[in-house]
Amino acid sequence: MSNNVISSILKSLRKEHGLTQVDLAMKSGVGLNFVRELEQGKATVRMDKVAQVFDLFGYELVPQKRVK
């Protein structure tokens, strides 16, 4: 999954749940800068923190073979 897909999904989930970036950072236990960088598609982010944020919405990251 590319960074842009992850950022798009996260931003959609956040807005769907009526959360600001500050709310998301506080509720998921990560920093505000991390949330901002993640939503902007930063190429180097800690996957454990990405998983922590998605866990708030009941999602999990799993390895999946790319479909060509």
C-alpha atoms as a PDB file:
ATOM      1  CA  MET A   1       0.000   0.000   0.000  1.00  0.00           C
ATOM      2  CA  SER A   2       1.504   3.316  -0.986  1.00  0.00           C
ATOM      3  CA  ASN A   3       1.866   6.256   1.361  1.00  0.00           C
ATOM      4  CA  ASN A   4      -0.694   8.234  -0.634  1.00  0.00           C
ATOM      5  CA  VAL A   5      -3.313   5.499  -0.181  1.00  0.00           C
ATOM      6  CA  ILE A   6      -2.639   5.319   3.549  1.00  0.00           C
ATOM      7  CA  SER A   7      -2.847   9.103   3.906  1.00  0.00           C
ATOM      8  CA  SER A   8      -6.080   9.301   1.928  1.00  0.00           C
ATOM      9  CA  ILE A   9      -7.732   6.542   3.936  1.00  0.00           C
ATOM     10  CA  LEU A  10      -6.648   8.045   7.243  1.00  0.00           C
ATOM     11  CA  LYS A  11      -7.815  11.533   6.325  1.00  0.00           C
ATOM     12  CA  SER A  12     -11.193  10.176   5.192  1.00  0.00           C
ATOM     13  CA  LEU A  13     -11.631   8.166   8.391  1.00  0.00           C
ATOM     14  CA  ARG A  14     -10.688  11.140  10.534  1.00  0.00           C
ATOM     15  CA  LYS A  15     -13.182  13.412   8.796  1.00  0.00           C
ATOM     16  CA  GLU A  16     -15.880  10.709   8.773  1.00  0.00           C
ATOM     17  CA  HIS A  17     -15.569  10.505  12.561  1.00  0.00           C
ATOM     18  CA  GLY A  18     -15.578  14.288  12.949  1.00  0.00           C
ATOM     19  CA  LEU A  19     -12.074  14.483  14.380  1.00  0.00           C
ATOM     20  CA  THR A  20      -9.514  17.216  13.977  1.00  0.00           C
ATOM     21  CA  GLN A  21      -5.862  16.297  13.614  1.00  0.00           C
ATOM     22  CA  VAL A  22      -5.392  17.339  17.246  1.00  0.00           C
ATOM     23  CA  ASP A  23      -8.254  15.061  18.339  1.00  0.00           C
ATOM     24  CA  LEU A  24      -6.807  12.155  16.375  1.00  0.00           C
ATOM     25  CA  ALA A  25      -3.347  12.640  17.847  1.00  0.00           C
ATOM     26  CA  MET A  26      -4.689  12.755  21.397  1.00  0.00           C
ATOM     27  CA  LYS A  27      -7.073   9.809  21.044  1.00  0.00           C
ATOM     28  CA  SER A  28      -4.550   7.558  19.300  1.00  0.00           C
ATOM     29  CA  GLY A  29      -1.616   8.496  21.536  1.00  0.00           C
ATOM     30  CA  VAL A  30       0.709   9.856  18.858  1.00  0.00           C
ATOM     31  CA  GLY A  31       2.036  13.353  18.305  1.00  0.00           C
ATOM     32  CA  LEU A  32       0.314  16.001  16.228  1.00  0.00           C
ATOM     33  CA  ASN A  33       3.326  16.297  13.934  1.00  0.00           C
ATOM     34  CA  PHE A  34       3.139  12.576  13.256  1.00  0.00           C
ATOM     35  CA  VAL A  35      -0.531  12.841  12.244  1.00  0.00           C
ATOM     36  CA  ARG A  36       0.232  15.785   9.972  1.00  0.00           C
ATOM     37  CA  GLU A  37       3.158  14.025   8.315  1.00  0.00           C
ATOM     38  CA  LEU A  38       1.146  10.851   7.887  1.00  0.00           C
ATOM     39  CA  GLU A  39      -1.743  12.689   6.236  1.00  0.00           C
ATOM     40  CA  GLN A  40       0.719  14.483   3.951  1.00  0.00           C
ATOM     41  CA  GLY A  41       2.105  11.142   2.775  1.00  0.00           C
ATOM     42  CA  LYS A  42       5.576  11.375   4.289  1.00  0.00           C
ATOM     43  CA  ALA A  43       7.572   8.446   2.948  1.00  0.00           C
ATOM     44  CA  THR A  44       9.304   7.603   6.221  1.00  0.00           C
ATOM     45  CA  VAL A  45       6.963   7.032   9.152  1.00  0.00           C
ATOM     46  CA  ARG A  46       7.051   4.481  11.934  1.00  0.00           C
ATOM     47  CA  MET A  47       4.744   1.624  11.030  1.00  0.00           C
ATOM     48  CA  ASP A  48       3.981   0.845  14.676  1.00  0.00           C
ATOM     49  CA  LYS A  49       2.579   4.356  15.061  1.00  0.00           C
ATOM     50  CA  VAL A  50       0.644   4.068  11.792  1.00  0.00           C
ATOM     51  CA  ALA A  51      -0.898   0.850  13.125  1.00  0.00           C
ATOM     52  CA  GLN A  52      -1.659   2.601  16.429  1.00  0.00           C
ATOM     53  CA  VAL A  53      -3.578   5.369  14.630  1.00  0.00           C
ATOM     54  CA  PHE A  54      -5.537   2.955  12.432  1.00  0.00           C
ATOM     55  CA  ASP A  55      -6.370   0.801  15.455  1.00  0.00           C
ATOM     56  CA  LEU A  56      -8.463   3.683  16.776  1.00  0.00           C
ATOM     57  CA  PHE A  57     -10.820   3.104  13.833  1.00  0.00           C
ATOM     58  CA  GLY A  58     -10.769  -0.699  14.065  1.00  0.00           C
ATOM     59  CA  TYR A  59      -8.363  -1.144  11.137  1.00  0.00           C
ATOM     60  CA  GLU A  60      -5.147  -3.129  11.020  1.00  0.00           C
ATOM     61  CA  LEU A  61      -2.215  -3.104   8.651  1.00  0.00           C
ATOM     62  CA  VAL A  62      -1.474  -6.423   7.025  1.00  0.00           C
ATOM     63  CA  PRO A  63       1.053  -7.451   4.396  1.00  0.00           C
ATOM     64  CA  GLN A  64      -0.593  -8.102   1.090  1.00  0.00           C
ATOM     65  CA  LYS A  65       0.792  -9.092  -2.255  1.00  0.00           C
ATOM     66  CA  ARG A  66       0.434  -6.374  -4.864  1.00  0.00           C
ATOM     67  CA  VAL A  67      -1.999  -6.954  -7.661  1.00  0.00           C
ATOM     68  CA  LYS A  68      -0.495  -6.098 -11.023  1.00  0.00           C
END
